[in-house]
Amino acid sequence: MIASQKAIFLDRDGVINHDPGDYTRSLREFTVLPTVYATLKKLHDAGYLLVLITNQGGIAKSLYTHADVNEIHTHLKNQCEENGFALTDVYYSPHHPHFGESLSRKPGSLMLERACAKHGIDPSKSWMIGDKTRDLEAGEGAGIKGLLLPVNADIADLLDTLLASPQEDHEGDK
């Protein structure tokens, strides 16, 4: 498969939903930020695949379970569909450095690399949006340009940049 799709890779806590400062442990604590659905719909309509890439180290710390994370992600996928677009895929790392190392945990790029391989995504046409430098480092490791969004900020503020041609931006980086 030739990598030809463009994608927006999104961190979860602080970009998609309100980050309370520690962990979002359950669906009850999961509050999507105000402009997320409208912004993601515009990006989807512009031809971007939308891929969630999130560290969920609270699993390794026994603060919540895989089932809790899956409940949140199923809810998010359903809400995206109700808003007229699909979330292409979700990747999460349940690991935490206090309990061992993992290449999947950001700043490692394995989750992004897997998504690119599975969905035929061209990293040079794609973006990683995160609220921490490790998000952008993960993108960089997979050859994906990153945009840093302040924690719990308005993702719509990035629309003009995201809808501009990322290939032109990447050409200047080489």
N, C-alpha and C. Protein backbone atom coordinates (compact mmCIF):
# COMPACT_ATOMS: atom_id res chain seq x y z
N MET A 1 0.84 -1.19 0.00
CA MET A 1 0.00 0.00 0.00
C MET A 1 0.88 1.24 0.00
N ILE A 2 0.61 2.13 -0.92
CA ILE A 2 1.34 3.39 -0.98
C ILE A 2 0.73 4.33 0.05
N ALA A 3 1.61 4.94 0.85
CA ALA A 3 1.16 5.88 1.87
C ALA A 3 0.74 7.17 1.20
N SER A 4 -0.57 7.40 1.11
CA SER A 4 -1.04 8.59 0.42
C SER A 4 -2.06 9.39 1.22
N GLN A 5 -2.59 8.81 2.29
CA GLN A 5 -3.59 9.49 3.10
C GLN A 5 -2.93 10.57 3.97
N LYS A 6 -3.67 11.62 4.23
CA LYS A 6 -3.21 12.62 5.19
C LYS A 6 -4.02 12.42 6.47
N ALA A 7 -3.38 12.73 7.60
CA ALA A 7 -4.05 12.49 8.88
C ALA A 7 -3.72 13.59 9.88
N ILE A 8 -4.63 13.74 10.82
CA ILE A 8 -4.40 14.56 12.00
C ILE A 8 -4.33 13.57 13.17
N PHE A 9 -3.18 13.53 13.83
CA PHE A 9 -3.00 12.72 15.02
C PHE A 9 -3.26 13.63 16.21
N LEU A 10 -4.08 13.16 17.13
CA LEU A 10 -4.52 14.00 18.24
C LEU A 10 -4.22 13.35 19.58
N ASP A 11 -3.57 14.10 20.44
CA ASP A 11 -3.48 13.69 21.83
C ASP A 11 -4.89 13.80 22.41
N ARG A 12 -5.16 13.12 23.51
CA ARG A 12 -6.51 13.14 24.07
C ARG A 12 -6.66 14.20 25.17
N ASP A 13 -6.14 13.90 26.35
CA ASP A 13 -6.36 14.77 27.51
C ASP A 13 -5.67 16.11 27.32
N GLY A 14 -6.46 17.19 27.37
CA GLY A 14 -5.94 18.53 27.18
C GLY A 14 -6.08 19.06 25.76
N VAL A 15 -6.37 18.15 24.80
CA VAL A 15 -6.59 18.55 23.41
C VAL A 15 -8.04 18.27 23.02
N ILE A 16 -8.50 17.05 23.27
CA ILE A 16 -9.87 16.64 22.96
C ILE A 16 -10.80 16.92 24.14
N ASN A 17 -10.36 16.53 25.30
CA ASN A 17 -11.17 16.68 26.51
C ASN A 17 -10.42 17.50 27.55
N HIS A 18 -11.18 18.03 28.49
CA HIS A 18 -10.60 18.81 29.58
C HIS A 18 -9.64 17.94 30.38
N ASP A 19 -8.41 18.41 30.52
CA ASP A 19 -7.42 17.71 31.34
C ASP A 19 -7.50 18.28 32.74
N PRO A 20 -7.91 17.44 33.71
CA PRO A 20 -8.06 17.93 35.08
C PRO A 20 -6.74 18.13 35.81
N GLY A 21 -5.63 17.75 35.18
CA GLY A 21 -4.33 17.94 35.81
C GLY A 21 -3.67 16.65 36.23
N ASP A 22 -4.43 15.58 36.37
CA ASP A 22 -3.81 14.29 36.66
C ASP A 22 -4.30 13.24 35.66
N TYR A 23 -5.39 12.58 35.93
CA TYR A 23 -5.89 11.55 35.02
C TYR A 23 -7.40 11.68 34.85
N THR A 24 -7.85 11.36 33.65
CA THR A 24 -9.28 11.21 33.38
C THR A 24 -9.55 9.73 33.56
N ARG A 25 -10.17 9.39 34.69
CA ARG A 25 -10.29 7.99 35.11
C ARG A 25 -11.53 7.27 34.59
N SER A 26 -12.57 8.03 34.22
CA SER A 26 -13.83 7.38 33.84
C SER A 26 -14.59 8.27 32.87
N LEU A 27 -15.61 7.68 32.27
CA LEU A 27 -16.46 8.44 31.35
C LEU A 27 -17.11 9.62 32.07
N ARG A 28 -17.41 9.46 33.33
CA ARG A 28 -18.02 10.53 34.13
C ARG A 28 -17.11 11.77 34.18
N GLU A 29 -15.81 11.56 34.14
CA GLU A 29 -14.84 12.65 34.21
C GLU A 29 -14.43 13.17 32.82
N PHE A 30 -14.95 12.56 31.77
CA PHE A 30 -14.56 12.89 30.40
C PHE A 30 -15.46 13.99 29.86
N THR A 31 -14.90 15.20 29.71
CA THR A 31 -15.65 16.35 29.20
C THR A 31 -14.95 16.88 27.96
N VAL A 32 -15.60 16.72 26.82
CA VAL A 32 -15.02 17.19 25.56
C VAL A 32 -15.01 18.72 25.55
N LEU A 33 -13.90 19.28 25.10
CA LEU A 33 -13.74 20.74 25.03
C LEU A 33 -14.70 21.32 23.97
N PRO A 34 -15.11 22.58 24.14
CA PRO A 34 -16.22 23.15 23.36
C PRO A 34 -16.17 23.07 21.84
N THR A 35 -15.04 23.35 21.20
CA THR A 35 -15.04 23.42 19.73
C THR A 35 -14.52 22.15 19.06
N VAL A 36 -14.28 21.11 19.84
CA VAL A 36 -13.64 19.91 19.30
C VAL A 36 -14.43 19.28 18.16
N TYR A 37 -15.70 19.00 18.35
CA TYR A 37 -16.46 18.29 17.32
C TYR A 37 -16.55 19.11 16.03
N ALA A 38 -16.83 20.39 16.14
CA ALA A 38 -16.93 21.23 14.94
C ALA A 38 -15.59 21.31 14.20
N THR A 39 -14.51 21.41 14.95
CA THR A 39 -13.19 21.50 14.35
C THR A 39 -12.81 20.18 13.67
N LEU A 40 -13.03 19.08 14.37
CA LEU A 40 -12.70 17.78 13.78
C LEU A 40 -13.55 17.49 12.54
N LYS A 41 -14.78 17.92 12.54
CA LYS A 41 -15.64 17.74 11.36
C LYS A 41 -15.05 18.49 10.17
N LYS A 42 -14.59 19.71 10.38
CA LYS A 42 -13.99 20.50 9.30
C LYS A 42 -12.72 19.81 8.77
N LEU A 43 -11.93 19.26 9.67
CA LEU A 43 -10.71 18.56 9.25
C LEU A 43 -11.06 17.28 8.50
N HIS A 44 -12.04 16.55 8.98
CA HIS A 44 -12.50 15.35 8.30
C HIS A 44 -13.02 15.69 6.90
N ASP A 45 -13.81 16.74 6.82
CA ASP A 45 -14.37 17.16 5.53
C ASP A 45 -13.28 17.64 4.56
N ALA A 46 -12.14 18.06 5.10
CA ALA A 46 -11.01 18.47 4.27
C ALA A 46 -10.16 17.27 3.84
N GLY A 47 -10.60 16.06 4.21
CA GLY A 47 -9.92 14.85 3.75
C GLY A 47 -8.93 14.24 4.71
N TYR A 48 -8.86 14.75 5.91
CA TYR A 48 -7.94 14.18 6.90
C TYR A 48 -8.56 12.98 7.60
N LEU A 49 -7.74 11.94 7.79
CA LEU A 49 -8.09 10.88 8.72
C LEU A 49 -7.82 11.44 10.11
N LEU A 50 -8.60 11.02 11.09
CA LEU A 50 -8.45 11.52 12.46
C LEU A 50 -8.08 10.34 13.36
N VAL A 51 -6.89 10.43 13.98
CA VAL A 51 -6.38 9.32 14.77
C VAL A 51 -6.01 9.82 16.16
N LEU A 52 -6.59 9.19 17.16
CA LEU A 52 -6.29 9.53 18.56
C LEU A 52 -5.07 8.75 19.00
N ILE A 53 -4.10 9.45 19.62
CA ILE A 53 -2.86 8.86 20.10
C ILE A 53 -2.68 9.32 21.54
N THR A 54 -2.83 8.41 22.51
CA THR A 54 -2.85 8.85 23.90
C THR A 54 -2.10 7.90 24.83
N ASN A 55 -1.33 8.49 25.74
CA ASN A 55 -0.74 7.73 26.84
C ASN A 55 -1.80 7.57 27.92
N GLN A 56 -1.96 6.37 28.41
CA GLN A 56 -2.89 6.11 29.50
C GLN A 56 -2.17 5.33 30.60
N GLY A 57 -1.15 6.00 31.16
CA GLY A 57 -0.31 5.40 32.19
C GLY A 57 -1.03 5.09 33.48
N GLY A 58 -2.22 5.65 33.66
CA GLY A 58 -3.01 5.33 34.85
C GLY A 58 -3.38 3.86 34.91
N ILE A 59 -3.37 3.18 33.77
CA ILE A 59 -3.63 1.73 33.77
C ILE A 59 -2.50 1.02 34.50
N ALA A 60 -1.25 1.35 34.15
CA ALA A 60 -0.09 0.73 34.81
C ALA A 60 -0.08 1.04 36.30
N LYS A 61 -0.61 2.21 36.67
CA LYS A 61 -0.66 2.61 38.09
C LYS A 61 -1.89 2.06 38.81
N SER A 62 -2.72 1.29 38.10
CA SER A 62 -3.96 0.71 38.66
C SER A 62 -4.96 1.77 39.11
N LEU A 63 -4.96 2.93 38.45
CA LEU A 63 -5.92 3.99 38.76
C LEU A 63 -7.23 3.78 38.02
N TYR A 64 -7.16 3.09 36.88
CA TYR A 64 -8.33 2.74 36.08
C TYR A 64 -7.93 1.56 35.20
N THR A 65 -8.86 1.05 34.42
CA THR A 65 -8.64 -0.18 33.67
C THR A 65 -8.72 0.06 32.15
N HIS A 66 -8.35 -0.97 31.42
CA HIS A 66 -8.53 -0.94 29.96
C HIS A 66 -10.00 -0.74 29.64
N ALA A 67 -10.88 -1.37 30.40
CA ALA A 67 -12.33 -1.24 30.16
C ALA A 67 -12.77 0.22 30.33
N ASP A 68 -12.23 0.91 31.32
CA ASP A 68 -12.57 2.33 31.52
C ASP A 68 -12.14 3.16 30.31
N VAL A 69 -10.92 2.92 29.82
CA VAL A 69 -10.40 3.65 28.66
C VAL A 69 -11.23 3.32 27.42
N ASN A 70 -11.55 2.05 27.24
CA ASN A 70 -12.36 1.67 26.08
C ASN A 70 -13.76 2.27 26.13
N GLU A 71 -14.34 2.39 27.33
CA GLU A 71 -15.66 3.03 27.46
C GLU A 71 -15.59 4.50 27.01
N ILE A 72 -14.55 5.20 27.43
CA ILE A 72 -14.36 6.59 27.02
C ILE A 72 -14.21 6.68 25.50
N HIS A 73 -13.39 5.81 24.93
CA HIS A 73 -13.11 5.88 23.49
C HIS A 73 -14.33 5.48 22.66
N THR A 74 -15.10 4.53 23.14
CA THR A 74 -16.35 4.16 22.44
C THR A 74 -17.32 5.33 22.45
N HIS A 75 -17.43 5.99 23.60
CA HIS A 75 -18.28 7.17 23.71
C HIS A 75 -17.82 8.26 22.73
N LEU A 76 -16.51 8.52 22.70
CA LEU A 76 -15.97 9.55 21.81
C LEU A 76 -16.26 9.21 20.35
N LYS A 77 -16.03 7.96 19.96
CA LYS A 77 -16.31 7.54 18.58
C LYS A 77 -17.79 7.75 18.24
N ASN A 78 -18.66 7.38 19.15
CA ASN A 78 -20.11 7.55 18.92
C ASN A 78 -20.48 9.02 18.79
N GLN A 79 -19.91 9.86 19.63
CA GLN A 79 -20.19 11.30 19.55
C GLN A 79 -19.67 11.89 18.24
N CYS A 80 -18.53 11.43 17.79
CA CYS A 80 -18.01 11.90 16.50
C CYS A 80 -19.00 11.53 15.39
N GLU A 81 -19.47 10.30 15.39
CA GLU A 81 -20.43 9.86 14.37
C GLU A 81 -21.72 10.68 14.45
N GLU A 82 -22.19 10.98 15.64
CA GLU A 82 -23.38 11.81 15.80
C GLU A 82 -23.16 13.22 15.28
N ASN A 83 -21.90 13.66 15.24
CA ASN A 83 -21.56 14.98 14.72
C ASN A 83 -21.17 14.95 13.24
N GLY A 84 -21.37 13.81 12.58
CA GLY A 84 -21.23 13.74 11.14
C GLY A 84 -19.88 13.34 10.59
N PHE A 85 -19.04 12.73 11.39
CA PHE A 85 -17.74 12.30 10.90
C PHE A 85 -17.26 11.10 11.73
N ALA A 86 -16.22 10.45 11.24
CA ALA A 86 -15.69 9.27 11.93
C ALA A 86 -14.30 9.55 12.48
N LEU A 87 -14.06 9.01 13.65
CA LEU A 87 -12.71 8.94 14.20
C LEU A 87 -12.10 7.69 13.58
N THR A 88 -11.04 7.84 12.81
CA THR A 88 -10.49 6.72 12.04
C THR A 88 -9.99 5.59 12.93
N ASP A 89 -9.27 5.94 13.99
CA ASP A 89 -8.71 4.91 14.86
C ASP A 89 -8.27 5.52 16.17
N VAL A 90 -8.05 4.66 17.15
CA VAL A 90 -7.60 5.07 18.47
C VAL A 90 -6.45 4.16 18.89
N TYR A 91 -5.37 4.77 19.33
CA TYR A 91 -4.22 4.04 19.87
C TYR A 91 -3.94 4.60 21.25
N TYR A 92 -3.72 3.70 22.21
CA TYR A 92 -3.32 4.16 23.54
C TYR A 92 -2.26 3.24 24.11
N SER A 93 -1.39 3.82 24.89
CA SER A 93 -0.34 3.07 25.58
C SER A 93 -0.70 3.00 27.05
N PRO A 94 -0.85 1.78 27.60
CA PRO A 94 -1.20 1.62 29.00
C PRO A 94 0.02 1.65 29.93
N HIS A 95 1.18 1.95 29.39
CA HIS A 95 2.42 1.85 30.14
C HIS A 95 2.77 3.15 30.87
N HIS A 96 3.61 3.02 31.88
CA HIS A 96 4.11 4.18 32.63
C HIS A 96 5.57 3.91 32.97
N PRO A 97 6.45 4.91 32.83
CA PRO A 97 7.88 4.69 33.06
C PRO A 97 8.24 4.22 34.47
N HIS A 98 7.40 4.46 35.45
CA HIS A 98 7.68 3.96 36.81
C HIS A 98 7.54 2.45 36.90
N PHE A 99 6.92 1.85 35.87
CA PHE A 99 6.65 0.42 35.89
C PHE A 99 7.28 -0.31 34.70
N GLY A 100 8.19 0.35 34.00
CA GLY A 100 8.85 -0.26 32.85
C GLY A 100 8.79 0.65 31.64
N GLU A 101 9.67 0.39 30.70
CA GLU A 101 9.74 1.20 29.49
C GLU A 101 8.91 0.56 28.38
N SER A 102 8.44 1.40 27.48
CA SER A 102 7.68 0.92 26.33
C SER A 102 7.92 1.84 25.15
N LEU A 103 8.12 1.27 23.98
CA LEU A 103 8.30 2.07 22.77
C LEU A 103 6.99 2.69 22.31
N SER A 104 5.87 2.14 22.79
CA SER A 104 4.59 2.69 22.35
C SER A 104 4.25 3.99 23.08
N ARG A 105 4.74 4.16 24.28
CA ARG A 105 4.42 5.35 25.06
C ARG A 105 5.10 6.57 24.47
N LYS A 106 4.32 7.64 24.28
CA LYS A 106 4.93 8.89 23.81
C LYS A 106 5.92 9.37 24.87
N PRO A 107 7.11 9.81 24.52
CA PRO A 107 7.52 10.34 23.23
C PRO A 107 7.93 9.30 22.19
N GLY A 108 7.81 8.02 22.48
CA GLY A 108 8.05 7.01 21.46
C GLY A 108 7.04 7.18 20.33
N SER A 109 7.42 6.78 19.14
CA SER A 109 6.57 7.02 17.97
C SER A 109 5.84 5.78 17.46
N LEU A 110 5.90 4.67 18.20
CA LEU A 110 5.36 3.42 17.70
C LEU A 110 3.86 3.48 17.39
N MET A 111 3.07 4.15 18.22
CA MET A 111 1.64 4.23 17.96
C MET A 111 1.37 4.94 16.63
N LEU A 112 2.09 6.01 16.37
CA LEU A 112 1.92 6.75 15.12
C LEU A 112 2.39 5.93 13.93
N GLU A 113 3.51 5.24 14.09
CA GLU A 113 4.04 4.41 13.01
C GLU A 113 3.05 3.29 12.66
N ARG A 114 2.46 2.69 13.68
CA ARG A 114 1.46 1.64 13.43
C ARG A 114 0.26 2.19 12.67
N ALA A 115 -0.20 3.36 13.08
CA ALA A 115 -1.35 3.97 12.41
C ALA A 115 -1.02 4.29 10.95
N CYS A 116 0.18 4.81 10.70
CA CYS A 116 0.59 5.12 9.33
C CYS A 116 0.61 3.86 8.48
N ALA A 117 1.16 2.78 9.01
CA ALA A 117 1.23 1.53 8.27
C ALA A 117 -0.16 0.95 8.03
N LYS A 118 -1.00 0.95 9.03
CA LYS A 118 -2.34 0.36 8.92
C LYS A 118 -3.23 1.11 7.94
N HIS A 119 -3.16 2.44 7.96
CA HIS A 119 -4.10 3.26 7.20
C HIS A 119 -3.50 3.92 5.96
N GLY A 120 -2.26 3.58 5.61
CA GLY A 120 -1.64 4.17 4.43
C GLY A 120 -1.45 5.67 4.55
N ILE A 121 -1.04 6.11 5.72
CA ILE A 121 -0.88 7.54 5.99
C ILE A 121 0.52 8.01 5.59
N ASP A 122 0.55 9.11 4.88
CA ASP A 122 1.81 9.75 4.50
C ASP A 122 2.18 10.76 5.59
N PRO A 123 3.25 10.48 6.34
CA PRO A 123 3.64 11.40 7.43
C PRO A 123 3.88 12.83 6.95
N SER A 124 4.37 13.01 5.73
CA SER A 124 4.68 14.36 5.25
C SER A 124 3.44 15.19 4.97
N LYS A 125 2.27 14.55 4.92
CA LYS A 125 1.01 15.25 4.70
C LYS A 125 0.19 15.36 5.99
N SER A 126 0.80 15.01 7.10
CA SER A 126 0.05 14.85 8.35
C SER A 126 0.56 15.77 9.45
N TRP A 127 -0.22 15.84 10.52
CA TRP A 127 0.08 16.68 11.68
C TRP A 127 -0.14 15.90 12.96
N MET A 128 0.65 16.19 13.98
CA MET A 128 0.42 15.71 15.34
C MET A 128 0.08 16.92 16.19
N ILE A 129 -1.07 16.88 16.86
CA ILE A 129 -1.48 17.97 17.75
C ILE A 129 -1.42 17.45 19.18
N GLY A 130 -0.67 18.15 20.00
CA GLY A 130 -0.55 17.76 21.39
C GLY A 130 -0.39 18.95 22.31
N ASP A 131 -0.51 18.68 23.59
CA ASP A 131 -0.36 19.75 24.58
C ASP A 131 0.92 19.60 25.40
N LYS A 132 1.74 18.62 25.03
CA LYS A 132 3.02 18.40 25.70
C LYS A 132 4.10 18.17 24.64
N THR A 133 5.33 18.53 24.98
CA THR A 133 6.42 18.34 24.02
C THR A 133 6.58 16.87 23.65
N ARG A 134 6.27 15.95 24.55
CA ARG A 134 6.41 14.52 24.22
C ARG A 134 5.47 14.12 23.07
N ASP A 135 4.33 14.80 22.94
CA ASP A 135 3.43 14.53 21.82
C ASP A 135 4.11 14.89 20.50
N LEU A 136 4.74 16.05 20.49
CA LEU A 136 5.41 16.51 19.27
C LEU A 136 6.66 15.68 18.98
N GLU A 137 7.34 15.24 20.03
CA GLU A 137 8.51 14.36 19.85
C GLU A 137 8.08 13.03 19.24
N ALA A 138 6.93 12.51 19.64
CA ALA A 138 6.42 11.26 19.07
C ALA A 138 6.14 11.47 17.58
N GLY A 139 5.51 12.58 17.25
CA GLY A 139 5.25 12.88 15.85
C GLY A 139 6.54 13.00 15.06
N GLU A 140 7.50 13.73 15.61
CA GLU A 140 8.78 13.93 14.94
C GLU A 140 9.46 12.59 14.67
N GLY A 141 9.38 11.67 15.63
CA GLY A 141 9.98 10.35 15.47
C GLY A 141 9.38 9.56 14.31
N ALA A 142 8.14 9.89 13.96
CA ALA A 142 7.46 9.22 12.83
C ALA A 142 7.47 10.09 11.58
N GLY A 143 8.19 11.22 11.63
CA GLY A 143 8.27 12.09 10.47
C GLY A 143 7.06 12.98 10.28
N ILE A 144 6.35 13.25 11.38
CA ILE A 144 5.11 14.02 11.32
C ILE A 144 5.32 15.36 12.02
N LYS A 145 4.98 16.42 11.32
CA LYS A 145 5.11 17.77 11.87
C LYS A 145 4.11 17.97 13.00
N GLY A 146 4.51 18.67 14.05
CA GLY A 146 3.65 18.85 15.21
C GLY A 146 3.26 20.28 15.48
N LEU A 147 2.12 20.40 16.15
CA LEU A 147 1.64 21.69 16.64
C LEU A 147 1.34 21.56 18.12
N LEU A 148 1.92 22.45 18.92
CA LEU A 148 1.71 22.43 20.35
C LEU A 148 0.53 23.34 20.69
N LEU A 149 -0.45 22.78 21.35
CA LEU A 149 -1.63 23.51 21.79
C LEU A 149 -1.57 23.63 23.30
N PRO A 150 -1.76 24.81 23.87
CA PRO A 150 -1.78 24.90 25.33
C PRO A 150 -2.84 23.96 25.91
N VAL A 151 -2.60 23.43 27.09
CA VAL A 151 -3.53 22.51 27.74
C VAL A 151 -4.92 23.13 27.81
N ASN A 152 -5.92 22.38 27.36
CA ASN A 152 -7.33 22.77 27.40
C ASN A 152 -7.65 24.02 26.55
N ALA A 153 -6.78 24.32 25.59
CA ALA A 153 -7.01 25.48 24.72
C ALA A 153 -7.98 25.12 23.60
N ASP A 154 -8.31 26.10 22.79
CA ASP A 154 -9.29 25.94 21.72
C ASP A 154 -8.61 25.40 20.46
N ILE A 155 -8.91 24.15 20.13
CA ILE A 155 -8.30 23.51 18.96
C ILE A 155 -8.66 24.25 17.67
N ALA A 156 -9.78 24.96 17.66
CA ALA A 156 -10.19 25.71 16.47
C ALA A 156 -9.15 26.78 16.11
N ASP A 157 -8.36 27.21 17.07
CA ASP A 157 -7.31 28.20 16.80
C ASP A 157 -6.26 27.68 15.83
N LEU A 158 -6.19 26.36 15.66
CA LEU A 158 -5.19 25.76 14.77
C LEU A 158 -5.72 25.50 13.36
N LEU A 159 -7.01 25.73 13.14
CA LEU A 159 -7.63 25.36 11.86
C LEU A 159 -6.94 25.95 10.65
N ASP A 160 -6.63 27.24 10.66
CA ASP A 160 -6.00 27.85 9.48
C ASP A 160 -4.69 27.16 9.14
N THR A 161 -3.88 26.86 10.14
CA THR A 161 -2.61 26.18 9.91
C THR A 161 -2.85 24.77 9.39
N LEU A 162 -3.79 24.05 10.01
CA LEU A 162 -4.05 22.67 9.62
C LEU A 162 -4.64 22.54 8.22
N LEU A 163 -5.42 23.52 7.82
CA LEU A 163 -6.06 23.45 6.50
C LEU A 163 -5.16 23.97 5.38
N ALA A 164 -4.05 24.62 5.76
CA ALA A 164 -3.04 24.99 4.76
C ALA A 164 -2.32 23.71 4.35
N SER A 165 -1.66 23.70 3.23
CA SER A 165 -1.01 22.49 2.74
C SER A 165 0.20 22.13 3.61
N PRO A 166 0.14 20.99 4.32
CA PRO A 166 1.30 20.61 5.13
C PRO A 166 2.52 20.25 4.28
N GLN A 167 2.33 19.85 3.02
CA GLN A 167 3.47 19.50 2.18
C GLN A 167 4.36 20.73 2.00
N GLU A 168 3.75 21.91 1.81
CA GLU A 168 4.54 23.12 1.63
C GLU A 168 5.35 23.42 2.88
N ASP A 169 4.73 23.24 4.04
CA ASP A 169 5.43 23.49 5.30
C ASP A 169 6.59 22.51 5.48
N HIS A 170 6.37 21.25 5.10
CA HIS A 170 7.41 20.24 5.27
C HIS A 170 8.57 20.46 4.29
N GLU A 171 8.29 21.00 3.12
CA GLU A 171 9.36 21.21 2.15
C GLU A 171 10.42 22.15 2.72
N GLY A 172 9.98 23.14 3.49
CA GLY A 172 10.92 24.09 4.08
C GLY A 172 11.74 23.48 5.20
N ASP A 173 11.30 22.35 5.75
CA ASP A 173 12.01 21.72 6.85
C ASP A 173 13.19 20.87 6.38
N LYS A 174 13.21 20.53 5.09
CA LYS A 174 14.22 19.56 4.60
C LYS A 174 15.52 20.23 4.26
